Protein backbone atom coordinates (compact mmCIF):
# COMPACT_ATOMS: atom_id res chain seq x y z
CA MET A 1 -149.83 165.54 -45.28
CA GLY A 2 -147.71 168.59 -44.29
CA THR A 3 -146.20 168.62 -40.81
CA GLU A 4 -146.24 164.91 -39.94
CA ASN A 5 -144.35 164.03 -43.13
CA ILE A 6 -141.64 166.66 -42.43
CA ILE A 7 -141.21 165.43 -38.85
CA ASP A 8 -140.96 161.81 -40.01
CA GLU A 9 -138.37 162.80 -42.62
CA TYR A 10 -136.36 164.68 -40.00
CA LEU A 11 -136.49 161.79 -37.54
CA TYR A 12 -135.41 159.38 -40.28
CA ALA A 13 -132.51 161.64 -41.32
CA MET A 14 -131.35 161.99 -37.70
CA ARG A 15 -131.94 158.34 -36.72
CA GLU A 16 -128.26 157.84 -35.89
CA GLY A 17 -128.08 161.13 -34.01
CA GLY A 18 -125.80 164.06 -34.68
CA ALA A 19 -122.13 164.58 -33.96
CA ARG A 20 -121.41 165.38 -30.30
CA GLN A 21 -119.13 168.24 -29.25
CA TYR A 22 -117.32 166.12 -26.69
CA LEU A 23 -116.35 163.38 -29.17
CA PHE A 24 -112.96 164.56 -30.39
CA SER A 25 -109.28 163.89 -29.87
CA VAL A 26 -106.17 165.98 -30.44
CA TYR A 27 -102.77 164.56 -31.29
CA PHE A 28 -99.82 166.91 -30.77
CA ASN A 29 -96.57 166.54 -32.68
CA PHE A 30 -93.68 168.11 -30.78
CA PRO A 31 -90.23 169.08 -32.02
CA SER A 32 -87.71 166.36 -31.24
CA SER A 33 -85.28 168.95 -29.85
CA ILE A 34 -87.52 169.57 -26.83
CA GLY A 35 -85.61 167.38 -24.43
CA ILE A 36 -87.92 167.33 -21.40
CA LEU A 37 -90.59 165.16 -22.95
CA GLU A 38 -91.07 162.03 -20.93
CA ASP A 39 -92.74 159.23 -22.83
CA ASP A 40 -95.70 159.19 -20.44
CA MET A 41 -96.35 162.91 -20.82
CA LYS A 42 -95.90 162.84 -24.58
CA LYS A 43 -98.33 159.95 -24.82
CA ASN A 44 -100.85 161.27 -22.29
CA ILE A 45 -100.97 165.00 -23.08
CA LYS A 46 -104.06 164.39 -25.24
CA TYR A 47 -105.95 163.62 -22.00
CA TYR A 48 -105.22 167.12 -20.69
CA VAL A 49 -107.07 168.71 -23.63
CA ARG A 50 -110.11 170.50 -22.29
CA THR A 51 -111.54 172.16 -25.40
CA SER A 52 -110.66 172.71 -29.02
CA SER A 53 -112.41 173.83 -32.14
CA LEU A 54 -112.09 173.49 -35.86
CA PRO A 55 -110.88 176.91 -37.04
CA GLU A 56 -112.78 179.05 -39.49
CA SER A 57 -111.78 178.95 -43.15
CA THR A 58 -112.75 181.97 -45.25
CA TYR A 59 -112.34 183.27 -48.77
CA GLU A 60 -111.66 186.95 -49.24
CA ASP A 61 -113.82 188.65 -51.86
CA ILE A 62 -112.41 189.92 -55.11
CA VAL A 63 -114.86 192.53 -56.32
CA ILE A 64 -114.94 193.24 -60.04
CA PRO A 65 -116.94 196.32 -61.07
CA TYR A 66 -119.59 195.52 -63.63
CA PRO A 67 -122.20 197.92 -65.00
CA GLY A 68 -124.99 198.08 -62.47
CA TYR A 69 -123.49 195.86 -59.76
CA SER A 70 -120.32 194.42 -58.30
CA PHE A 71 -119.38 190.87 -59.32
CA LYS A 72 -117.80 188.96 -56.44
CA MET A 73 -115.50 185.98 -56.79
CA ALA A 74 -113.30 183.98 -54.45
CA GLY A 75 -109.87 185.37 -53.62
CA ASN A 76 -107.31 184.22 -51.08
CA ARG A 77 -108.37 181.58 -48.62
CA THR A 78 -107.50 182.44 -45.03
CA TYR A 79 -107.47 180.25 -41.94
CA ALA A 80 -108.17 181.50 -38.42
CA ASP A 81 -105.77 180.55 -35.61
CA TRP A 82 -106.39 177.27 -33.79
CA THR A 83 -106.78 177.41 -30.01
CA VAL A 84 -106.62 174.44 -27.69
CA SER A 85 -107.40 174.72 -23.96
CA LEU A 86 -105.51 172.31 -21.73
CA ASN A 87 -105.73 171.46 -18.07
CA VAL A 88 -102.42 171.97 -16.28
CA ASP A 89 -101.00 168.91 -14.52
CA LYS A 90 -99.61 168.98 -10.96
CA LYS A 91 -95.97 169.09 -12.09
CA ASN A 92 -96.69 171.75 -14.75
CA ASP A 93 -95.28 169.52 -17.49
CA VAL A 94 -97.96 170.77 -19.91
CA LEU A 95 -96.65 174.30 -19.43
CA LYS A 96 -93.01 173.22 -19.63
CA ILE A 97 -93.55 171.53 -22.99
CA PHE A 98 -95.17 174.53 -24.64
CA HIS A 99 -92.80 177.07 -23.04
CA ASP A 100 -89.83 175.00 -24.24
CA TRP A 101 -91.35 174.94 -27.74
CA HIS A 102 -91.81 178.72 -27.57
CA ASN A 103 -88.22 179.21 -26.41
CA MET A 104 -87.03 176.92 -29.17
CA ILE A 105 -88.62 179.20 -31.78
CA TYR A 106 -86.83 182.22 -30.33
CA ASN A 107 -84.41 181.98 -27.42
CA PRO A 108 -84.47 185.37 -25.66
CA GLN A 109 -81.26 184.69 -23.70
CA GLU A 110 -79.17 183.75 -26.72
CA HIS A 111 -81.10 185.89 -29.24
CA THR A 112 -81.39 183.01 -31.69
CA TYR A 113 -84.22 181.85 -33.93
CA SER A 114 -84.78 178.28 -35.07
CA ALA A 115 -85.42 177.43 -38.69
CA PRO A 116 -89.15 177.09 -39.45
CA ILE A 117 -88.68 173.47 -40.50
CA GLN A 118 -87.60 172.71 -36.91
CA TYR A 119 -90.62 174.21 -35.11
CA MET A 120 -93.47 173.95 -37.65
CA LEU A 121 -95.14 170.55 -37.32
CA ASN A 122 -98.43 169.06 -38.48
CA GLN A 123 -101.09 168.72 -35.78
CA ASN A 124 -104.07 166.35 -35.87
CA LEU A 125 -107.65 166.82 -34.74
CA TRP A 126 -110.07 163.89 -34.92
CA MET A 127 -113.84 163.91 -34.77
CA LEU A 128 -115.07 160.70 -33.19
CA GLY A 129 -118.22 158.68 -33.62
CA PRO A 130 -120.34 157.28 -30.76
CA ASP A 131 -118.13 154.16 -30.74
CA LEU A 132 -115.08 156.45 -30.13
CA GLU A 133 -113.64 155.55 -33.52
CA PRO A 134 -112.42 158.44 -35.74
CA THR A 135 -114.88 159.57 -38.41
CA SER A 136 -112.88 162.51 -39.79
CA GLU A 137 -109.35 163.72 -39.37
CA TYR A 138 -108.22 167.30 -39.80
CA VAL A 139 -104.52 167.90 -40.35
CA LEU A 140 -103.26 171.41 -39.62
CA TYR A 141 -100.12 171.76 -41.69
CA ALA A 142 -96.93 173.44 -40.44
CA ALA A 143 -98.41 174.54 -37.11
CA TRP A 144 -96.54 176.22 -34.28
CA PRO A 145 -97.59 177.69 -30.92
CA LYS A 146 -98.13 181.37 -31.59
CA ALA A 147 -99.34 182.23 -28.08
CA ILE A 148 -99.41 180.69 -24.63
CA GLY A 149 -102.38 182.19 -22.82
CA ASN A 150 -102.51 183.53 -19.32
CA ILE A 151 -103.23 181.24 -16.38
CA THR A 152 -105.63 182.37 -13.70
CA MET A 153 -104.49 181.76 -10.14
CA ASP A 154 -107.24 182.32 -7.61
CA TYR A 155 -107.31 181.44 -3.90
CA SER A 156 -111.11 181.39 -3.90
CA SER A 157 -111.40 178.78 -6.67
CA THR A 158 -111.18 174.99 -6.63
CA GLU A 159 -111.13 174.70 -10.44
CA LEU A 160 -108.24 173.07 -12.26
CA MET A 161 -105.75 175.46 -13.83
CA SER A 162 -106.05 175.68 -17.58
CA VAL A 163 -104.10 177.36 -20.34
CA ASP A 164 -105.00 178.28 -23.91
CA ILE A 165 -102.41 177.50 -26.56
CA THR A 166 -102.99 179.31 -29.85
CA PHE A 167 -101.43 177.83 -32.97
CA SER A 168 -100.73 179.49 -36.27
CA TYR A 169 -100.56 177.17 -39.28
CA GLN A 170 -100.53 177.31 -43.07
CA TYR A 171 -103.79 175.51 -43.89
CA TYR A 172 -105.82 172.45 -42.92
CA MET A 173 -107.29 169.57 -44.86
CA ARG A 174 -109.97 167.07 -43.95
CA ARG A 175 -109.55 163.37 -44.54
CA ASP A 176 -111.99 160.58 -43.99
CA SER A 177 -110.50 158.65 -41.16
CA THR A 178 -110.08 155.03 -40.41
CA THR A 179 -108.37 153.81 -37.28
CA ASP A 180 -104.89 155.28 -37.44
CA ALA A 181 -101.89 154.08 -35.46
CA LYS A 182 -101.19 157.61 -34.21
CA PHE A 183 -104.73 157.92 -32.93
CA MET A 184 -104.35 154.81 -30.83
CA VAL A 185 -101.01 155.89 -29.29
């Protein structure tokens, strides 16, 4: 009875297969004050996404001394930064959008900062099922591009240029997802 039963149980549990790494979609919300956004680029930037990940969420320990051992309980919850890798298009519009957003946060020529409410926007990450319909949605609240990564330029390569955009945000929440109008845009 041992091994065959365990294998059958595993095969039954995984009969629909597991989630695939390549079945995801990212929806970017951009500040309205970034004037260069053409409708096509705003709508199609999700197709330039190369990789993404769901950031780590961790609780810090609060250690309370107790005779004989340390009692640990949950403290502050912290969220790791969110990084998205994007392919760069031929006209560099992907770069222009994120550099304009960066310059909107702080304009180095005018030495002015924008109010956080102007540059912090919710971002959406969907996990998709095999039918390409959303199964879960993760909303990263009050996100903003913290870093625009370096871009490798190499005469010996034929690879597409890519750039990593790292976002800072307040927290994220998961929602069960049904087909959402924003997802279909």
